[in-house]
Structures are given as structure tokens and as C-alpha cells.
């Protein structure tokens, strides 16, 4: 078997593709688990989110598409080479990319939805690159295409990434330096003429009456990875795909908490990955730390800041499960102890 096939197989095995027959029968959100977590009075609260109300474990596993450090097929780029002006003593108690660069708030604060596809790796990388592009250039209008990354960043050039079957933010960042990503908004932007490749998969709610603006998952198709094309999918868009591409100048990994903080203050958002357990789906608010449930798979998100609540240090992350999950689409997770591997698979790049 060729190396690329081996890596792709590893990604599919680890990144949510091990869906067992019983996973279709077991609910992802267990009311007894929620009650137990809240009784513990830990640093976070559990609830039943609209996103996963009555969803099965299989539904959740489809969204987990990242190989974690130490798992077969994991790719890690070289360590960062950037020298920062911030010393350890200059790092503040809290920081938020959204408020540090207010002109870019529409980009950095945007909450997106990967739909029923294991494309978290494409969102966690594309969104972080988008944030850094705005911070570096002042361009607060161009939205980068998670669709382009998900469908066209594949094979050896993307560390074996395989669309809805999973991939790696590190591979995507490498692809940004070599090929670049086009513009592309969300599903609501399809046929609007605003971007080259808007996301073609619709957000949906699992097995429950959806809120306004969202459809039931029963009414949308079982999505496969969109075909990679060399043209814009939005026929009303005036630009050309070839000239619509945006490239990063470097890609690298970041390997310490202080380096992560310096990177955030200096250049902006980071791409990170975490191990997802059954209790994570029920996260509602507070500072998450794993307390209950089995491992389901790896998940990629973007990390936008840090802070402290009642003596508990945390990171702030934006998820790609829409604004009806967590704290309006974001979550906070314990900082400083590599909770769920959040500090072990950190990548970014310069614009």
C-alpha cells in the first residue's frame, strides 16, 4: 500500500469512522450523565443542546475528523521559528482575539457549522488562517472557504486528509502555503455572489424540532465530500477561482502554553485539536474538563484567547457546531494541564 493510502486509512480509522452498529442505537446525550455532571458541581454545566438533542453516538462520531498526537498517521510540522516581543512577565491574565483587534470582530467572532461531515479539521484551520489574514492585512470582509479546504486539500500534499472522512489542521496549513484557499462563506451564502466557494452542506438539528433558521437532519441528504473543482461553485461570483486564492507564507507547530499565548497576542488565532469524550457534547457553559464518558474521536477547533474564572485558568475556543451549542458556539476549556490534548496539537502560520 502506498504511503498516502496508509495515512488516509489511519485518518479514517481514528477520525470518527469507527462507527459501530450499536452507535446508531445509543443516544449521544445521556440525561443521567448530565445530572451526574451537574451534581458534581465541577467547573462547567451540562445540558441537552439543540444541536444534539436525541442525536445518536453515530451522529456525533461523523463530526469528529482529526488525528490526535500519538495516533497512527499524525503529522506535525516543524516548530515555530518566530521570535516574539512578549516575555513571560508581559503575558496578561486574559486575552481575546475578538476584542484585541475589534476591526476584525466580524471574522474572528464568526461561528460556522460543519453540518453532518467530519470536516472539523478544515474549519479549525481555515478559520484560524482567515482570522490571521484579517489581523495582518486589515481585510475584514473576505471569508475563507472551508469547502475549498475540505474538498481540495487531500492526499500527501495535505498529510493524508480525506474530506468528510477526516484530516489534519497541520496538513491544511501546509496546503495554505503551497496552494492557498479561495473565498467561501456559509451555506446561507450559496448563490449570493459574495464568495467563490460557499459551504454546500446545510446545518441541521438531530431528531428534534429545529429552531428558526435551521432544518431537521431528516430533511437533508447524507453528505459525501464535495468534489474538488478548479472553478468557483457560485455562478454569480464575479471573481475567478485561480486568482481568488489566498496563501500563507509559513506553517509550523507551537509547543508550550507561553508560546501559544505569545502567538495569540502577536499574530492571532491558533488551530488546535482535542480528544472528545461523551460528556463534551452536553457542554453548556463554564470551564470544560473531562469527567465522564468514553473517548469518541479527535476534533479540531480554533483557539482565540484565555482567561480565568474563580481561580480556574481556561482557553477560549470557537467550535464549528453552530451558535446553538455551548456558549453561543464557543467553549472554554481548562488551561495549563493539556486537558484532552488541547495543548499538544497546535499549529498556525504567518500570512
Protein backbone atom coordinates (compact mmCIF):
# COMPACT_ATOMS: atom_id res chain seq x y z
CA UNK A 1 0.00 0.00 0.00
CA UNK A 2 1.28 3.48 -0.87
CA UNK A 3 2.17 5.84 1.98
CA UNK A 4 -0.66 8.25 1.13
CA UNK A 5 -3.17 5.39 1.26
CA UNK A 6 -1.81 4.25 4.63
CA UNK A 7 -2.11 7.76 6.09
CA UNK A 8 -5.61 8.25 4.68
CA UNK A 9 -6.68 4.89 6.12
CA UNK A 10 -5.30 5.86 9.53
CA UNK A 11 -7.24 9.13 9.44
CA UNK A 12 -10.47 7.36 8.55
CA UNK A 13 -9.97 4.84 11.34
CA UNK A 14 -9.20 7.37 14.05
CA UNK A 15 -11.26 10.34 12.92
CA UNK A 16 -14.76 9.18 13.60
CA UNK A 17 -15.08 6.39 11.01
CA UNK A 18 -15.20 3.58 13.58
CA UNK A 19 -18.98 3.79 13.74
CA UNK A 20 -20.31 0.58 15.23
CA UNK A 21 -23.79 -0.84 14.73
CA UNK A 22 -24.71 -0.04 18.33
CA UNK A 23 -23.62 3.59 17.84
CA UNK A 24 -26.77 4.11 15.75
CA UNK A 25 -28.89 2.94 18.68
CA UNK A 26 -27.25 4.79 21.58
CA UNK A 27 -28.16 8.41 22.26
CA UNK A 28 -25.20 10.80 22.40
CA UNK A 29 -26.70 12.80 25.28
CA UNK A 30 -27.49 10.74 28.35
CA UNK A 31 -29.81 12.52 30.82
CA UNK A 32 -28.35 10.51 33.71
CA UNK A 33 -24.84 11.65 32.76
CA UNK A 34 -25.97 15.29 32.64
CA UNK A 35 -27.50 15.01 36.09
CA UNK A 36 -24.36 13.34 37.45
CA UNK A 37 -22.05 16.00 35.99
CA UNK A 38 -24.12 18.86 37.38
CA UNK A 39 -24.33 17.15 40.78
CA UNK A 40 -20.53 17.05 40.88
CA UNK A 41 -20.50 20.87 40.83
CA UNK A 42 -17.39 20.86 38.68
CA UNK A 43 -16.20 23.89 36.69
CA UNK A 44 -18.83 23.53 33.95
CA UNK A 45 -22.50 22.80 33.42
CA UNK A 46 -24.07 20.14 31.21
CA UNK A 47 -27.35 20.39 29.31
CA UNK A 48 -29.08 19.00 26.23
CA UNK A 49 -28.13 21.26 23.29
CA UNK A 50 -30.40 21.70 20.28
CA UNK A 51 -27.55 20.51 18.08
CA UNK A 52 -27.53 17.03 19.63
CA UNK A 53 -30.97 16.59 21.17
CA UNK A 54 -31.76 12.90 20.59
CA UNK A 55 -28.71 12.51 18.33
CA UNK A 56 -27.02 9.13 18.34
CA UNK A 57 -23.36 8.41 19.06
CA UNK A 58 -23.02 7.71 15.33
CA UNK A 59 -24.28 11.24 14.56
CA UNK A 60 -21.58 12.72 16.78
CA UNK A 61 -18.79 10.50 15.52
CA UNK A 62 -19.42 11.74 11.97
CA UNK A 63 -18.36 15.22 13.11
CA UNK A 64 -15.05 14.12 14.62
CA UNK A 65 -12.38 14.17 11.95
CA UNK A 66 -8.92 14.82 13.39
CA UNK A 67 -5.98 12.54 14.13
CA UNK A 68 -4.58 13.28 17.58
CA UNK A 69 -0.91 13.35 18.52
CA UNK A 70 0.37 9.83 19.13
CA UNK A 71 -2.24 8.22 16.88
CA UNK A 72 -1.33 6.50 13.56
CA UNK A 73 -0.98 8.93 10.66
CA UNK A 74 -0.42 12.03 12.81
CA UNK A 75 1.62 14.74 11.08
CA UNK A 76 3.38 17.55 12.93
CA UNK A 77 5.20 20.37 11.14
CA UNK A 78 8.45 21.92 12.32
CA UNK A 79 8.44 24.01 15.50
CA UNK A 80 7.75 27.73 15.24
CA UNK A 81 10.66 30.00 14.34
CA UNK A 82 9.05 33.35 15.04
CA UNK A 83 10.63 35.48 17.74
CA UNK A 84 8.13 37.31 19.89
CA UNK A 85 8.40 40.63 21.67
CA UNK A 86 6.35 39.36 24.63
CA UNK A 87 8.23 37.85 27.56
CA UNK A 88 6.59 35.59 30.13
CA UNK A 89 6.13 38.51 32.53
CA UNK A 90 4.30 40.52 29.88
CA UNK A 91 1.55 37.93 29.37
CA UNK A 92 -1.74 39.31 30.81
CA UNK A 93 -4.28 37.36 32.87
CA UNK A 94 -6.74 37.39 29.99
CA UNK A 95 -6.76 37.95 26.26
CA UNK A 96 -9.32 37.66 23.46
CA UNK A 97 -8.56 37.96 19.75
CA UNK A 98 -12.07 39.30 19.13
CA UNK A 99 -11.52 42.37 21.31
CA UNK A 100 -7.77 42.78 20.71
CA UNK A 101 -8.46 43.51 17.03
CA UNK A 102 -12.02 44.93 17.04
CA UNK A 103 -11.93 45.78 13.34
CA UNK A 104 -11.74 42.03 12.62
CA UNK A 105 -14.50 41.01 15.04
CA UNK A 106 -16.86 40.02 12.20
CA UNK A 107 -14.27 37.46 11.06
CA UNK A 108 -12.77 36.32 14.37
CA UNK A 109 -16.18 36.10 16.08
CA UNK A 110 -17.90 34.25 13.25
CA UNK A 111 -19.44 30.90 14.31
CA UNK A 112 -19.75 28.37 11.50
CA UNK A 113 -21.32 24.92 11.07
CA UNK A 114 -19.64 21.88 9.53
CA UNK A 115 -23.00 20.10 9.11
CA UNK A 116 -23.02 16.27 9.08
CA UNK A 117 -19.46 15.96 7.79
CA UNK A 118 -16.14 15.24 9.52
CA UNK A 119 -14.66 18.49 8.23
CA UNK A 120 -13.77 20.00 11.61
CA UNK A 121 -10.10 19.90 10.54
CA UNK A 122 -10.92 22.13 7.55
CA UNK A 123 -12.85 24.61 9.69
CA UNK A 124 -10.31 24.74 12.53
CA UNK A 125 -7.54 25.54 10.05
CA UNK A 126 -9.35 27.72 7.51
CA UNK A 127 -10.95 29.90 10.16
CA UNK A 128 -7.66 30.44 12.00
CA UNK A 129 -5.96 31.41 8.73
CA UNK A 130 -8.88 33.72 7.94
CA UNK A 131 -8.51 35.44 11.33
CA UNK A 132 -4.77 35.91 10.88
CA UNK A 133 -5.28 37.23 7.36
CA UNK A 134 -7.64 39.91 8.66
CA UNK A 135 -5.33 40.80 11.55
CA UNK A 136 -2.33 41.06 9.23
CA UNK A 137 -3.91 42.84 6.25
CA UNK A 138 -6.94 44.66 7.69
CA UNK A 139 -9.23 42.80 5.26
CA UNK A 140 -12.35 42.31 7.38
CA UNK A 141 -14.68 41.34 4.53
CA UNK A 142 -13.10 38.30 2.84
CA UNK A 143 -14.34 34.99 4.27
CA UNK A 144 -12.18 31.94 3.51
CA UNK A 145 -13.69 28.74 2.17
CA UNK A 146 -13.83 25.69 4.44
CA UNK A 147 -15.41 23.98 1.41
CA UNK A 148 -12.29 24.54 -0.69
CA UNK A 149 -10.05 23.18 2.07
CA UNK A 150 -12.31 20.21 2.77
CA UNK A 151 -12.66 19.15 -0.86
CA UNK A 152 -9.29 20.07 -2.40
CA UNK A 153 -6.75 19.65 0.43
CA UNK A 154 -6.20 15.90 0.20
CA UNK A 155 -3.62 13.16 -0.18
CA UNK A 156 0.10 13.53 0.50
CA UNK A 157 0.06 17.32 -0.01
CA UNK A 158 -2.42 17.58 2.87
CA UNK A 159 -0.98 14.93 5.20
CA UNK A 160 -3.46 12.31 4.03
CA UNK A 161 -6.55 14.42 4.71
CA UNK A 162 -9.71 12.94 3.24
CA UNK A 163 -12.55 15.46 3.30
CA UNK A 164 -15.60 14.42 5.35
CA UNK A 165 -13.69 11.31 6.44
CA UNK A 166 -11.23 13.42 8.41
CA UNK A 167 -7.98 15.31 8.11
CA UNK A 168 -5.38 17.37 9.96
CA UNK A 169 -5.09 21.12 10.50
CA UNK A 170 -1.29 20.78 10.13
CA UNK A 171 -1.79 19.39 6.63
CA UNK A 172 -4.21 22.18 5.79
CA UNK A 173 -1.75 24.85 6.94
CA UNK A 174 0.94 23.29 4.75
CA UNK A 175 -1.57 23.36 1.86
CA UNK A 176 -2.27 27.06 2.55
CA UNK A 177 1.42 27.81 1.92
CA UNK A 178 1.59 25.74 -1.27
CA UNK A 179 -1.81 26.15 -2.93
CA UNK A 180 -3.84 28.65 -0.94
CA UNK A 181 -7.55 28.73 -0.19
CA UNK A 182 -10.33 30.57 -2.02
CA UNK A 183 -13.06 32.74 -0.56
CA UNK A 184 -16.22 30.98 0.56
CA UNK A 185 -18.95 31.74 3.05
CA UNK A 186 -21.53 29.54 4.76
CA UNK A 187 -24.48 27.57 3.38
CA UNK A 188 -26.65 30.68 3.66
CA UNK A 189 -24.29 32.40 1.19
CA UNK A 190 -24.86 29.87 -1.63
CA UNK A 191 -25.83 31.68 -4.87
CA UNK A 192 -25.43 35.08 -3.24
CA UNK A 193 -22.48 36.06 -5.42
CA UNK A 194 -20.49 37.06 -2.34
CA UNK A 195 -17.84 34.33 -2.34
CA UNK A 196 -16.24 31.79 -4.67
CA UNK A 197 -16.94 28.51 -2.86
CA UNK A 198 -19.56 28.81 -0.09
CA UNK A 199 -20.19 25.75 2.09
CA UNK A 200 -22.55 23.37 0.29
CA UNK A 201 -23.75 21.38 3.32
CA UNK A 202 -26.70 22.64 5.35
CA UNK A 203 -26.79 22.95 9.12
CA UNK A 204 -29.37 20.74 10.79
CA UNK A 205 -30.79 19.62 14.14
CA UNK A 206 -30.84 15.92 15.03
CA UNK A 207 -34.25 14.34 15.69
CA UNK A 208 -35.88 17.42 17.25
CA UNK A 209 -37.95 20.36 16.14
CA UNK A 210 -35.25 22.73 14.83
CA UNK A 211 -35.10 26.38 15.86
CA UNK A 212 -35.84 29.15 13.38
CA UNK A 213 -33.30 29.20 10.57
CA UNK A 214 -32.34 25.52 10.89
CA UNK A 215 -33.80 22.40 9.30
CA UNK A 216 -34.15 18.88 10.65
CA UNK A 217 -31.33 16.47 9.79
CA UNK A 218 -34.04 14.14 8.49
CA UNK A 219 -34.61 16.64 5.67
CA UNK A 220 -31.03 16.91 4.43
CA UNK A 221 -29.06 14.31 2.46
CA UNK A 222 -26.28 12.10 3.83
CA UNK A 223 -23.37 14.25 2.74
CA UNK A 224 -20.25 12.98 1.00
CA UNK A 225 -17.09 15.02 0.48
CA UNK A 226 -17.78 17.63 -2.23
CA UNK A 227 -15.83 17.21 -5.45
CA UNK A 228 -12.73 19.36 -5.78
CA UNK A 229 -13.14 21.76 -8.68
CA UNK A 230 -10.88 24.34 -10.30
CA UNK A 231 -13.68 26.87 -10.63
CA UNK A 232 -15.95 28.78 -8.28
CA UNK A 233 -19.14 26.95 -7.33
CA UNK A 234 -21.17 30.17 -7.04
CA UNK A 235 -22.08 31.11 -10.61
CA UNK A 236 -22.94 34.65 -9.52
CA UNK A 237 -19.48 35.31 -8.11
CA UNK A 238 -17.56 37.71 -10.37
CA UNK A 239 -14.06 36.54 -9.48
CA UNK A 240 -12.07 33.62 -10.90
CA UNK A 241 -11.02 30.67 -8.73
CA UNK A 242 -7.38 30.80 -9.84
CA UNK A 243 -6.95 34.43 -8.81
CA UNK A 244 -9.18 34.13 -5.74
CA UNK A 245 -6.64 32.06 -3.79
CA UNK A 246 -5.03 33.35 -0.57
CA UNK A 247 -1.72 31.90 0.60
CA UNK A 248 0.06 31.71 3.95
CA UNK A 249 3.82 32.32 3.98
CA UNK A 250 4.69 29.72 6.67
CA UNK A 251 3.21 26.89 8.72
CA UNK A 252 4.52 25.48 11.99
CA UNK A 253 3.64 23.88 15.32
CA UNK A 254 3.58 25.59 18.71
CA UNK A 255 4.65 23.53 21.72
CA UNK A 256 4.18 25.37 25.01
CA UNK A 257 1.50 27.34 26.82
CA UNK A 258 3.59 30.53 26.88
CA UNK A 259 4.33 30.21 23.14
CA UNK A 260 0.62 29.75 22.46
CA UNK A 261 -0.13 32.93 24.40
CA UNK A 262 2.62 34.90 22.67
CA UNK A 263 1.40 33.69 19.27
CA UNK A 264 -2.15 34.77 20.08
CA UNK A 265 -1.07 38.25 21.18
CA UNK A 266 1.34 38.74 18.29
CA UNK A 267 -0.37 37.12 15.30
CA UNK A 268 -3.82 35.92 16.35
CA UNK A 269 -5.89 32.74 16.29
CA UNK A 270 -4.45 29.20 16.56
CA UNK A 271 -5.63 25.85 15.17
CA UNK A 272 -5.89 23.23 17.92
CA UNK A 273 -7.21 19.70 18.38
CA UNK A 274 -8.73 17.91 21.35
CA UNK A 275 -9.88 14.43 22.30
CA UNK A 276 -13.67 14.34 22.51
CA UNK A 277 -15.43 12.26 25.16
CA UNK A 278 -19.14 11.62 25.58
CA UNK A 279 -19.58 14.41 28.13
CA UNK A 280 -18.29 17.11 25.75
CA UNK A 281 -21.45 17.07 23.61
CA UNK A 282 -23.51 18.12 26.63
CA UNK A 283 -21.29 21.12 27.44
CA UNK A 284 -23.41 24.17 28.14
CA UNK A 285 -21.24 26.71 29.97
CA UNK A 286 -18.23 27.12 32.23
CA UNK A 287 -14.71 25.73 32.00
CA UNK A 288 -14.84 22.26 30.49
CA UNK A 289 -12.73 19.38 31.77
CA UNK A 290 -13.45 15.74 31.04
CA UNK A 291 -15.24 13.99 33.89
CA UNK A 292 -17.39 11.24 32.37
CA UNK A 293 -17.81 9.05 29.29
CA UNK A 294 -15.77 7.18 26.71
CA UNK A 295 -13.49 8.53 24.01
CA UNK A 296 -15.22 9.18 20.68
CA UNK A 297 -12.55 10.75 18.47
CA UNK A 298 -10.37 13.76 17.71
CA UNK A 299 -11.82 17.19 16.96
CA UNK A 300 -10.28 20.40 15.59
CA UNK A 301 -11.32 23.93 16.53
CA UNK A 302 -9.82 27.40 16.63
CA UNK A 303 -8.40 28.90 19.83
CA UNK A 304 -8.96 32.62 20.29
CA UNK A 305 -7.96 33.58 23.83
CA UNK A 306 -7.65 32.76 27.51
CA UNK A 307 -8.75 33.91 30.96
CA UNK A 308 -9.54 32.76 34.48
CA UNK A 309 -12.81 32.12 36.33
CA UNK A 310 -12.95 31.60 40.10
CA UNK A 311 -9.29 30.63 40.10
CA UNK A 312 -9.63 28.20 37.19
CA UNK A 313 -7.49 29.10 34.12
CA UNK A 314 -9.05 28.46 30.72
CA UNK A 315 -8.67 28.74 26.97
CA UNK A 316 -11.45 30.18 24.77
CA UNK A 317 -12.25 28.19 21.63
CA UNK A 318 -14.69 28.62 18.76
CA UNK A 319 -16.37 25.41 17.62
CA UNK A 320 -17.95 24.63 14.22
CA UNK A 321 -21.20 23.19 15.60
CA UNK A 322 -23.27 26.39 15.12
CA UNK A 323 -24.32 29.00 17.67
CA UNK A 324 -26.91 26.75 19.35
CA UNK A 325 -24.17 24.68 21.04
CA UNK A 326 -22.11 25.67 24.10
CA UNK A 327 -21.64 29.35 24.94
CA UNK A 328 -23.15 30.70 21.71
CA UNK A 329 -20.93 28.40 19.66
CA UNK A 330 -17.80 28.75 21.79
CA UNK A 331 -16.47 26.84 24.78
CA UNK A 332 -13.89 27.31 27.49
CA UNK A 333 -11.54 24.51 28.45
CA UNK A 334 -9.04 24.07 31.29
CA UNK A 335 -5.69 25.74 30.54
CA UNK A 336 -2.21 24.68 31.57
CA UNK A 337 -2.64 20.92 32.05
CA UNK A 338 -3.10 19.81 28.41
CA UNK A 339 -6.74 18.96 29.04
CA UNK A 340 -7.90 16.49 26.37
CA UNK A 341 -4.68 17.20 24.46
CA UNK A 342 -5.66 20.82 23.71
CA UNK A 343 -2.03 22.00 24.12
CA UNK A 344 -0.38 19.12 22.22
CA UNK A 345 -1.58 19.63 18.63
CA UNK A 346 -1.27 23.36 18.00
CA UNK A 347 -0.48 24.72 14.54
CA UNK A 348 -0.57 28.05 12.78
CA UNK A 349 1.36 30.09 10.22
CA UNK A 350 2.24 33.58 9.09
CA UNK A 351 0.32 35.45 6.43
